[in-house]
Amino acid sequence: MGYKEILDQQGNFLLTVEMRDQLQNVLDANMMLADKLNYSGTPVFIVMNMKNPQNKTTTIMPGAPDFYRLQQAINKAKGN
């Protein structure tokens, strides 16, 4: 069951149809990316340098990282 179906069943009083469609598109794109990366659980954090993405500065963290691990990934993405 998709997000749209859940909202249809439970009621949708906060989101416009356009907002709902945009949200569904984002969720679908995230699911496709997760499938391509072979991740099925949530959450998965990907920390990377968006201006100069490289494998050596990218960290993929399945699960919820603690502050220290997240800070290490940010520093790595910055090249520190």
C-alpha atoms as a PDB file:
ATOM      1  CA  MET A   1       0.000   0.000   0.000  1.00  0.00           C
ATOM      2  CA  GLY A   2       1.418   3.368  -1.006  1.00  0.00           C
ATOM      3  CA  TYR A   3       1.329   6.690   0.766  1.00  0.00           C
ATOM      4  CA  LYS A   4      -1.622   7.871  -1.322  1.00  0.00           C
ATOM      5  CA  GLU A   5      -3.719   4.859  -0.393  1.00  0.00           C
ATOM      6  CA  ILE A   6      -2.971   5.284   3.312  1.00  0.00           C
ATOM      7  CA  LEU A   7      -3.978   8.949   3.214  1.00  0.00           C
ATOM      8  CA  ASP A   8      -7.122   8.081   1.275  1.00  0.00           C
ATOM      9  CA  GLN A   9      -8.108   5.571   3.963  1.00  0.00           C
ATOM     10  CA  GLN A  10      -7.149   7.691   6.976  1.00  0.00           C
ATOM     11  CA  GLY A  11      -8.218  11.056   5.653  1.00  0.00           C
ATOM     12  CA  ASN A  12      -6.180  13.823   4.155  1.00  0.00           C
ATOM     13  CA  PHE A  13      -6.877  17.183   5.712  1.00  0.00           C
ATOM     14  CA  LEU A  14      -3.351  18.631   5.836  1.00  0.00           C
ATOM     15  CA  LEU A  15      -1.958  18.084   2.336  1.00  0.00           C
ATOM     16  CA  THR A  16      -3.197  19.332  -0.997  1.00  0.00           C
ATOM     17  CA  VAL A  17      -3.344  16.840  -3.849  1.00  0.00           C
ATOM     18  CA  GLU A  18      -0.300  18.538  -5.398  1.00  0.00           C
ATOM     19  CA  MET A  19       1.667  18.288  -2.137  1.00  0.00           C
ATOM     20  CA  ARG A  20       0.647  14.665  -1.765  1.00  0.00           C
ATOM     21  CA  ASP A  21       1.794  13.851  -5.303  1.00  0.00           C
ATOM     22  CA  GLN A  22       5.119  15.614  -4.735  1.00  0.00           C
ATOM     23  CA  LEU A  23       5.659  13.693  -1.514  1.00  0.00           C
ATOM     24  CA  GLN A  24       4.838  10.404  -3.222  1.00  0.00           C
ATOM     25  CA  ASN A  25       7.357  11.208  -5.986  1.00  0.00           C
ATOM     26  CA  VAL A  26      10.092  11.826  -3.409  1.00  0.00           C
ATOM     27  CA  LEU A  27       9.258   8.621  -1.562  1.00  0.00           C
ATOM     28  CA  ASP A  28       9.235   6.636  -4.816  1.00  0.00           C
ATOM     29  CA  ALA A  29      12.617   8.071  -5.857  1.00  0.00           C
ATOM     30  CA  ASN A  30      14.086   7.228  -2.446  1.00  0.00           C
ATOM     31  CA  MET A  31      12.755   3.677  -2.664  1.00  0.00           C
ATOM     32  CA  MET A  32      14.259   3.235  -6.138  1.00  0.00           C
ATOM     33  CA  LEU A  33      17.627   4.505  -4.886  1.00  0.00           C
ATOM     34  CA  ALA A  34      17.491   2.162  -1.896  1.00  0.00           C
ATOM     35  CA  ASP A  35      16.702  -0.760  -4.204  1.00  0.00           C
ATOM     36  CA  LYS A  36      19.654   0.105  -6.458  1.00  0.00           C
ATOM     37  CA  LEU A  37      21.946   0.260  -3.411  1.00  0.00           C
ATOM     38  CA  ASN A  38      20.493  -3.016  -2.060  1.00  0.00           C
ATOM     39  CA  TYR A  39      19.211  -1.456   1.176  1.00  0.00           C
ATOM     40  CA  SER A  40      15.825  -2.587   2.387  1.00  0.00           C
ATOM     41  CA  GLY A  41      15.744  -1.276   5.964  1.00  0.00           C
ATOM     42  CA  THR A  42      15.352   2.196   7.315  1.00  0.00           C
ATOM     43  CA  PRO A  43      16.927   4.494   7.956  1.00  0.00           C
ATOM     44  CA  VAL A  44      19.942   4.687   5.671  1.00  0.00           C
ATOM     45  CA  PHE A  45      22.053   7.835   5.754  1.00  0.00           C
ATOM     46  CA  ILE A  46      24.267   8.799   2.815  1.00  0.00           C
ATOM     47  CA  VAL A  47      26.725  11.580   3.612  1.00  0.00           C
ATOM     48  CA  MET A  48      28.687  12.934   0.669  1.00  0.00           C
ATOM     49  CA  ASN A  49      30.257  16.053  -0.763  1.00  0.00           C
ATOM     50  CA  MET A  50      27.640  17.322  -3.197  1.00  0.00           C
ATOM     51  CA  LYS A  51      30.033  19.680  -5.005  1.00  0.00           C
ATOM     52  CA  ASN A  52      32.636  16.979  -5.640  1.00  0.00           C
ATOM     53  CA  PRO A  53      31.167  13.514  -4.982  1.00  0.00           C
ATOM     54  CA  GLN A  54      33.754  10.743  -4.740  1.00  0.00           C
ATOM     55  CA  ASN A  55      33.746   7.258  -3.260  1.00  0.00           C
ATOM     56  CA  LYS A  56      36.573   8.179  -0.880  1.00  0.00           C
ATOM     57  CA  THR A  57      34.543  11.000   0.688  1.00  0.00           C
ATOM     58  CA  THR A  58      31.165   9.220   0.791  1.00  0.00           C
ATOM     59  CA  THR A  59      29.822   7.278   3.768  1.00  0.00           C
ATOM     60  CA  ILE A  60      26.735   5.052   3.706  1.00  0.00           C
ATOM     61  CA  MET A  61      25.358   4.246   7.144  1.00  0.00           C
ATOM     62  CA  PRO A  62      22.498   1.784   7.528  1.00  0.00           C
ATOM     63  CA  GLY A  63      20.634   2.305  10.765  1.00  0.00           C
ATOM     64  CA  ALA A  64      20.614   5.350  12.986  1.00  0.00           C
ATOM     65  CA  PRO A  65      24.170   6.596  13.566  1.00  0.00           C
ATOM     66  CA  ASP A  66      25.204   8.205  16.816  1.00  0.00           C
ATOM     67  CA  PHE A  67      26.491  11.792  16.851  1.00  0.00           C
ATOM     68  CA  TYR A  68      30.163  10.763  16.742  1.00  0.00           C
ATOM     69  CA  ARG A  69      29.710   8.500  13.712  1.00  0.00           C
ATOM     70  CA  LEU A  70      27.658  11.123  11.877  1.00  0.00           C
ATOM     71  CA  GLN A  71      30.258  13.810  12.623  1.00  0.00           C
ATOM     72  CA  GLN A  72      33.015  11.526  11.272  1.00  0.00           C
ATOM     73  CA  ALA A  73      31.045  11.060   8.045  1.00  0.00           C
ATOM     74  CA  ILE A  74      30.551  14.824   7.689  1.00  0.00           C
ATOM     75  CA  ASN A  75      34.258  15.454   8.239  1.00  0.00           C
ATOM     76  CA  LYS A  76      35.096  12.772   5.667  1.00  0.00           C
ATOM     77  CA  ALA A  77      32.748  14.395   3.133  1.00  0.00           C
ATOM     78  CA  LYS A  78      34.475  17.734   3.739  1.00  0.00           C
ATOM     79  CA  GLY A  79      37.842  16.085   3.081  1.00  0.00           C
ATOM     80  CA  ASN A  80      39.068  16.463   6.686  1.00  0.00           C
END
